[in-house]
Amino acid sequence: MAGLVLAVLTAMVLGRALNACEGGVNNAANSTFLLFLFIPGLWAVLTLAWIAVGALLGNRPSLHAAALVVVLLVLCWCAVSLFWGETYACPGGAPPWWPSFVPTPGF
């Protein structure tokens, strides 16, 4: 369930950025991509990461929880970074609503 929530939240951030910076083809194409490809794909990756971290760390609850938080957030950051690129027309490469203390995604 956490993987689905993170996938939807990541898609919402990416969709808002695409909309604010006039990125991508158009809103219909962007939302279709996010709904039918991005969310299920990211959900699958996050679920596999959840299983892998659980298998590797076993019965260490505090370490397991910390590792899950880090791994899932890093995967979401990487997913946004893949589509956060030169397609944006925003000044500074970030939408106006993006907080200045948070670095913009990207590799």
N, C-alpha and C. Protein backbone atom coordinates (compact mmCIF):
# COMPACT_ATOMS: atom_id res chain seq x y z
N MET A 1 0.81 -1.19 0.00
CA MET A 1 0.00 0.00 0.00
C MET A 1 0.86 1.26 0.00
N ALA A 2 1.98 1.22 0.73
CA ALA A 2 2.86 2.39 0.77
C ALA A 2 3.45 2.67 -0.61
N GLY A 3 3.73 1.62 -1.35
CA GLY A 3 4.27 1.80 -2.70
C GLY A 3 3.29 2.50 -3.61
N LEU A 4 2.02 2.14 -3.52
CA LEU A 4 1.00 2.78 -4.34
C LEU A 4 0.83 4.25 -3.96
N VAL A 5 0.83 4.54 -2.67
CA VAL A 5 0.70 5.93 -2.22
C VAL A 5 1.88 6.76 -2.71
N LEU A 6 3.08 6.24 -2.57
CA LEU A 6 4.27 6.97 -3.05
C LEU A 6 4.26 7.12 -4.56
N ALA A 7 3.81 6.11 -5.29
CA ALA A 7 3.74 6.20 -6.75
C ALA A 7 2.74 7.28 -7.17
N VAL A 8 1.59 7.34 -6.52
CA VAL A 8 0.58 8.35 -6.86
C VAL A 8 1.10 9.75 -6.50
N LEU A 9 1.71 9.90 -5.35
CA LEU A 9 2.25 11.20 -4.95
C LEU A 9 3.36 11.66 -5.90
N THR A 10 4.21 10.74 -6.31
CA THR A 10 5.27 11.07 -7.26
C THR A 10 4.68 11.49 -8.60
N ALA A 11 3.66 10.78 -9.05
CA ALA A 11 3.01 11.15 -10.31
C ALA A 11 2.33 12.50 -10.20
N MET A 12 1.77 12.81 -9.03
CA MET A 12 1.13 14.11 -8.85
C MET A 12 2.16 15.24 -8.91
N VAL A 13 3.31 15.06 -8.29
CA VAL A 13 4.36 16.08 -8.35
C VAL A 13 4.84 16.25 -9.79
N LEU A 14 5.07 15.15 -10.47
CA LEU A 14 5.52 15.22 -11.85
C LEU A 14 4.46 15.85 -12.75
N GLY A 15 3.20 15.48 -12.56
CA GLY A 15 2.12 16.06 -13.35
C GLY A 15 1.97 17.55 -13.13
N ARG A 16 2.06 17.97 -11.88
CA ARG A 16 1.99 19.41 -11.59
C ARG A 16 3.15 20.16 -12.21
N ALA A 17 4.34 19.56 -12.19
CA ALA A 17 5.51 20.21 -12.79
C ALA A 17 5.35 20.30 -14.30
N LEU A 18 4.86 19.24 -14.92
CA LEU A 18 4.64 19.27 -16.36
C LEU A 18 3.61 20.33 -16.74
N ASN A 19 2.57 20.45 -15.94
CA ASN A 19 1.52 21.42 -16.21
C ASN A 19 2.02 22.86 -16.00
N ALA A 20 2.74 23.10 -14.92
CA ALA A 20 3.20 24.44 -14.60
C ALA A 20 4.27 24.93 -15.57
N CYS A 21 5.07 24.03 -16.07
CA CYS A 21 6.19 24.43 -16.93
C CYS A 21 5.94 24.12 -18.39
N GLU A 22 4.71 23.78 -18.70
CA GLU A 22 4.32 23.49 -20.09
C GLU A 22 5.24 22.46 -20.73
N GLY A 23 5.49 21.38 -19.99
CA GLY A 23 6.34 20.31 -20.50
C GLY A 23 5.50 19.21 -21.11
N GLY A 24 6.11 18.39 -21.88
CA GLY A 24 5.40 17.28 -22.50
C GLY A 24 4.58 17.72 -23.70
N VAL A 25 3.71 16.85 -24.17
CA VAL A 25 2.92 17.10 -25.37
C VAL A 25 1.73 17.99 -25.04
N ASN A 26 0.84 17.50 -24.22
CA ASN A 26 -0.32 18.26 -23.74
C ASN A 26 -0.85 17.57 -22.50
N ASN A 27 -1.83 18.17 -21.85
CA ASN A 27 -2.33 17.62 -20.59
C ASN A 27 -2.92 16.22 -20.75
N ALA A 28 -3.61 15.97 -21.85
CA ALA A 28 -4.22 14.65 -22.04
C ALA A 28 -3.15 13.57 -22.21
N ALA A 29 -2.15 13.86 -23.00
CA ALA A 29 -1.07 12.89 -23.21
C ALA A 29 -0.26 12.69 -21.93
N ASN A 30 0.01 13.77 -21.22
CA ASN A 30 0.77 13.67 -19.98
C ASN A 30 0.01 12.86 -18.93
N SER A 31 -1.29 13.13 -18.78
CA SER A 31 -2.05 12.41 -17.77
C SER A 31 -2.23 10.94 -18.14
N THR A 32 -2.38 10.64 -19.42
CA THR A 32 -2.48 9.25 -19.84
C THR A 32 -1.19 8.50 -19.53
N PHE A 33 -0.06 9.12 -19.82
CA PHE A 33 1.23 8.51 -19.49
C PHE A 33 1.35 8.28 -17.99
N LEU A 34 1.01 9.29 -17.20
CA LEU A 34 1.16 9.17 -15.75
C LEU A 34 0.23 8.12 -15.18
N LEU A 35 -1.01 8.07 -15.65
CA LEU A 35 -1.98 7.12 -15.10
C LEU A 35 -1.73 5.68 -15.50
N PHE A 36 -1.43 5.46 -16.77
CA PHE A 36 -1.39 4.09 -17.28
C PHE A 36 0.01 3.49 -17.38
N LEU A 37 1.05 4.32 -17.36
CA LEU A 37 2.41 3.78 -17.45
C LEU A 37 3.24 4.11 -16.22
N PHE A 38 3.28 5.36 -15.82
CA PHE A 38 4.17 5.79 -14.76
C PHE A 38 3.77 5.21 -13.40
N ILE A 39 2.51 5.37 -13.00
CA ILE A 39 2.08 4.89 -11.68
C ILE A 39 2.21 3.37 -11.56
N PRO A 40 1.70 2.57 -12.50
CA PRO A 40 1.88 1.11 -12.34
C PRO A 40 3.35 0.68 -12.39
N GLY A 41 4.13 1.32 -13.26
CA GLY A 41 5.55 0.96 -13.34
C GLY A 41 6.29 1.29 -12.06
N LEU A 42 6.07 2.49 -11.54
CA LEU A 42 6.74 2.88 -10.30
C LEU A 42 6.23 2.05 -9.13
N TRP A 43 4.95 1.73 -9.11
CA TRP A 43 4.41 0.89 -8.05
C TRP A 43 5.08 -0.48 -8.05
N ALA A 44 5.28 -1.05 -9.23
CA ALA A 44 5.96 -2.35 -9.32
C ALA A 44 7.40 -2.26 -8.81
N VAL A 45 8.10 -1.21 -9.20
CA VAL A 45 9.49 -1.05 -8.75
C VAL A 45 9.54 -0.86 -7.23
N LEU A 46 8.64 -0.04 -6.69
CA LEU A 46 8.63 0.19 -5.25
C LEU A 46 8.26 -1.07 -4.48
N THR A 47 7.35 -1.87 -5.02
CA THR A 47 6.98 -3.12 -4.36
C THR A 47 8.15 -4.10 -4.36
N LEU A 48 8.86 -4.19 -5.47
CA LEU A 48 10.05 -5.05 -5.52
C LEU A 48 11.13 -4.57 -4.57
N ALA A 49 11.30 -3.25 -4.46
CA ALA A 49 12.28 -2.72 -3.51
C ALA A 49 11.86 -3.03 -2.08
N TRP A 50 10.56 -2.93 -1.79
CA TRP A 50 10.03 -3.26 -0.46
C TRP A 50 10.35 -4.71 -0.11
N ILE A 51 10.13 -5.61 -1.05
CA ILE A 51 10.38 -7.04 -0.83
C ILE A 51 11.88 -7.29 -0.66
N ALA A 52 12.70 -6.65 -1.50
CA ALA A 52 14.14 -6.86 -1.42
C ALA A 52 14.72 -6.36 -0.10
N VAL A 53 14.29 -5.19 0.35
CA VAL A 53 14.79 -4.67 1.63
C VAL A 53 14.34 -5.58 2.76
N GLY A 54 13.10 -6.06 2.70
CA GLY A 54 12.61 -6.97 3.73
C GLY A 54 13.39 -8.28 3.76
N ALA A 55 13.75 -8.78 2.59
CA ALA A 55 14.49 -10.04 2.52
C ALA A 55 15.93 -9.86 3.00
N LEU A 56 16.52 -8.71 2.68
CA LEU A 56 17.91 -8.48 3.06
C LEU A 56 18.09 -8.18 4.55
N LEU A 57 17.16 -7.44 5.13
CA LEU A 57 17.35 -7.02 6.52
C LEU A 57 16.66 -7.91 7.53
N GLY A 58 15.72 -8.71 7.09
CA GLY A 58 15.10 -9.69 7.96
C GLY A 58 14.41 -9.12 9.18
N ASN A 59 14.78 -9.61 10.35
CA ASN A 59 14.04 -9.30 11.58
C ASN A 59 14.75 -8.23 12.41
N ARG A 60 15.05 -7.11 11.81
CA ARG A 60 15.62 -5.96 12.52
C ARG A 60 14.69 -4.77 12.29
N PRO A 61 13.67 -4.60 13.11
CA PRO A 61 12.60 -3.63 12.83
C PRO A 61 13.06 -2.19 12.63
N SER A 62 13.92 -1.68 13.49
CA SER A 62 14.30 -0.27 13.35
C SER A 62 15.16 -0.04 12.10
N LEU A 63 16.10 -0.93 11.85
CA LEU A 63 16.93 -0.82 10.65
C LEU A 63 16.10 -1.04 9.39
N HIS A 64 15.17 -1.97 9.46
CA HIS A 64 14.28 -2.27 8.34
C HIS A 64 13.43 -1.06 7.98
N ALA A 65 12.85 -0.40 8.97
CA ALA A 65 12.01 0.78 8.72
C ALA A 65 12.82 1.93 8.14
N ALA A 66 13.99 2.19 8.69
CA ALA A 66 14.84 3.28 8.19
C ALA A 66 15.29 3.00 6.75
N ALA A 67 15.68 1.78 6.48
CA ALA A 67 16.12 1.43 5.13
C ALA A 67 14.98 1.53 4.14
N LEU A 68 13.77 1.14 4.53
CA LEU A 68 12.62 1.26 3.64
C LEU A 68 12.33 2.70 3.29
N VAL A 69 12.36 3.57 4.27
CA VAL A 69 12.11 4.99 4.01
C VAL A 69 13.14 5.54 3.03
N VAL A 70 14.40 5.26 3.27
CA VAL A 70 15.46 5.78 2.40
C VAL A 70 15.35 5.22 0.99
N VAL A 71 15.20 3.91 0.87
CA VAL A 71 15.16 3.28 -0.46
C VAL A 71 13.95 3.74 -1.26
N LEU A 72 12.78 3.79 -0.65
CA LEU A 72 11.58 4.18 -1.38
C LEU A 72 11.62 5.65 -1.80
N LEU A 73 12.11 6.52 -0.93
CA LEU A 73 12.21 7.94 -1.31
C LEU A 73 13.27 8.17 -2.39
N VAL A 74 14.37 7.45 -2.32
CA VAL A 74 15.40 7.58 -3.37
C VAL A 74 14.85 7.09 -4.71
N LEU A 75 14.11 6.01 -4.71
CA LEU A 75 13.52 5.52 -5.95
C LEU A 75 12.52 6.51 -6.53
N CYS A 76 11.71 7.13 -5.68
CA CYS A 76 10.77 8.14 -6.16
C CYS A 76 11.51 9.35 -6.72
N TRP A 77 12.57 9.77 -6.05
CA TRP A 77 13.39 10.90 -6.52
C TRP A 77 13.99 10.56 -7.89
N CYS A 78 14.49 9.36 -8.06
CA CYS A 78 15.07 8.95 -9.35
C CYS A 78 14.00 8.89 -10.43
N ALA A 79 12.80 8.43 -10.10
CA ALA A 79 11.72 8.37 -11.09
C ALA A 79 11.35 9.77 -11.57
N VAL A 80 11.27 10.73 -10.66
CA VAL A 80 10.97 12.10 -11.07
C VAL A 80 12.13 12.67 -11.87
N SER A 81 13.35 12.35 -11.47
CA SER A 81 14.53 12.88 -12.16
C SER A 81 14.62 12.43 -13.61
N LEU A 82 14.12 11.24 -13.90
CA LEU A 82 14.17 10.75 -15.28
C LEU A 82 13.35 11.62 -16.23
N PHE A 83 12.25 12.20 -15.72
CA PHE A 83 11.37 12.98 -16.58
C PHE A 83 11.48 14.48 -16.32
N TRP A 84 12.33 14.86 -15.40
CA TRP A 84 12.53 16.27 -15.05
C TRP A 84 13.76 16.72 -15.81
N GLY A 85 13.58 17.29 -16.93
CA GLY A 85 14.74 17.61 -17.73
C GLY A 85 14.60 18.90 -18.49
N GLU A 86 15.05 18.87 -19.69
CA GLU A 86 15.10 20.07 -20.51
C GLU A 86 13.77 20.36 -21.19
N THR A 87 12.73 19.60 -20.90
CA THR A 87 11.43 19.86 -21.52
C THR A 87 10.69 20.99 -20.81
N TYR A 88 11.25 21.47 -19.72
CA TYR A 88 10.57 22.51 -18.96
C TYR A 88 10.97 23.89 -19.44
N ALA A 89 10.00 24.77 -19.51
CA ALA A 89 10.24 26.15 -19.90
C ALA A 89 10.30 27.06 -18.68
N CYS A 90 10.35 26.48 -17.49
CA CYS A 90 10.37 27.28 -16.27
C CYS A 90 11.75 27.92 -16.07
N PRO A 91 11.77 29.15 -15.58
CA PRO A 91 13.06 29.76 -15.27
C PRO A 91 13.72 29.04 -14.10
N GLY A 92 14.98 28.77 -14.23
CA GLY A 92 15.70 28.06 -13.19
C GLY A 92 15.48 26.56 -13.21
N GLY A 93 14.68 26.06 -14.15
CA GLY A 93 14.45 24.64 -14.27
C GLY A 93 13.48 24.06 -13.26
N ALA A 94 12.77 24.92 -12.50
CA ALA A 94 11.82 24.42 -11.51
C ALA A 94 10.54 25.24 -11.59
N PRO A 95 9.40 24.61 -11.30
CA PRO A 95 8.13 25.34 -11.29
C PRO A 95 8.14 26.42 -10.20
N PRO A 96 7.28 27.43 -10.33
CA PRO A 96 7.25 28.50 -9.33
C PRO A 96 6.87 28.02 -7.93
N TRP A 97 6.12 26.95 -7.82
CA TRP A 97 5.69 26.46 -6.52
C TRP A 97 6.74 25.59 -5.84
N TRP A 98 7.82 25.24 -6.53
CA TRP A 98 8.84 24.36 -5.97
C TRP A 98 9.59 25.09 -4.85
N PRO A 99 9.70 24.50 -3.65
CA PRO A 99 10.40 25.18 -2.56
C PRO A 99 11.89 25.36 -2.86
N SER A 100 12.41 26.51 -2.51
CA SER A 100 13.81 26.82 -2.85
C SER A 100 14.80 26.00 -2.03
N PHE A 101 14.41 25.53 -0.85
CA PHE A 101 15.34 24.75 -0.02
C PHE A 101 15.45 23.29 -0.46
N VAL A 102 14.57 22.85 -1.36
CA VAL A 102 14.63 21.49 -1.89
C VAL A 102 15.28 21.54 -3.26
N PRO A 103 16.38 20.80 -3.45
CA PRO A 103 17.02 20.83 -4.77
C PRO A 103 16.11 20.22 -5.84
N THR A 104 16.21 20.76 -7.03
CA THR A 104 15.40 20.22 -8.11
C THR A 104 15.91 18.85 -8.52
N PRO A 105 14.98 17.96 -8.87
CA PRO A 105 15.41 16.62 -9.29
C PRO A 105 16.23 16.68 -10.56
N GLY A 106 17.08 15.75 -10.72
CA GLY A 106 17.90 15.65 -11.92
C GLY A 106 19.19 14.93 -11.63
N PHE A 107 19.76 14.42 -12.67
CA PHE A 107 21.03 13.69 -12.52
C PHE A 107 22.17 14.57 -12.99
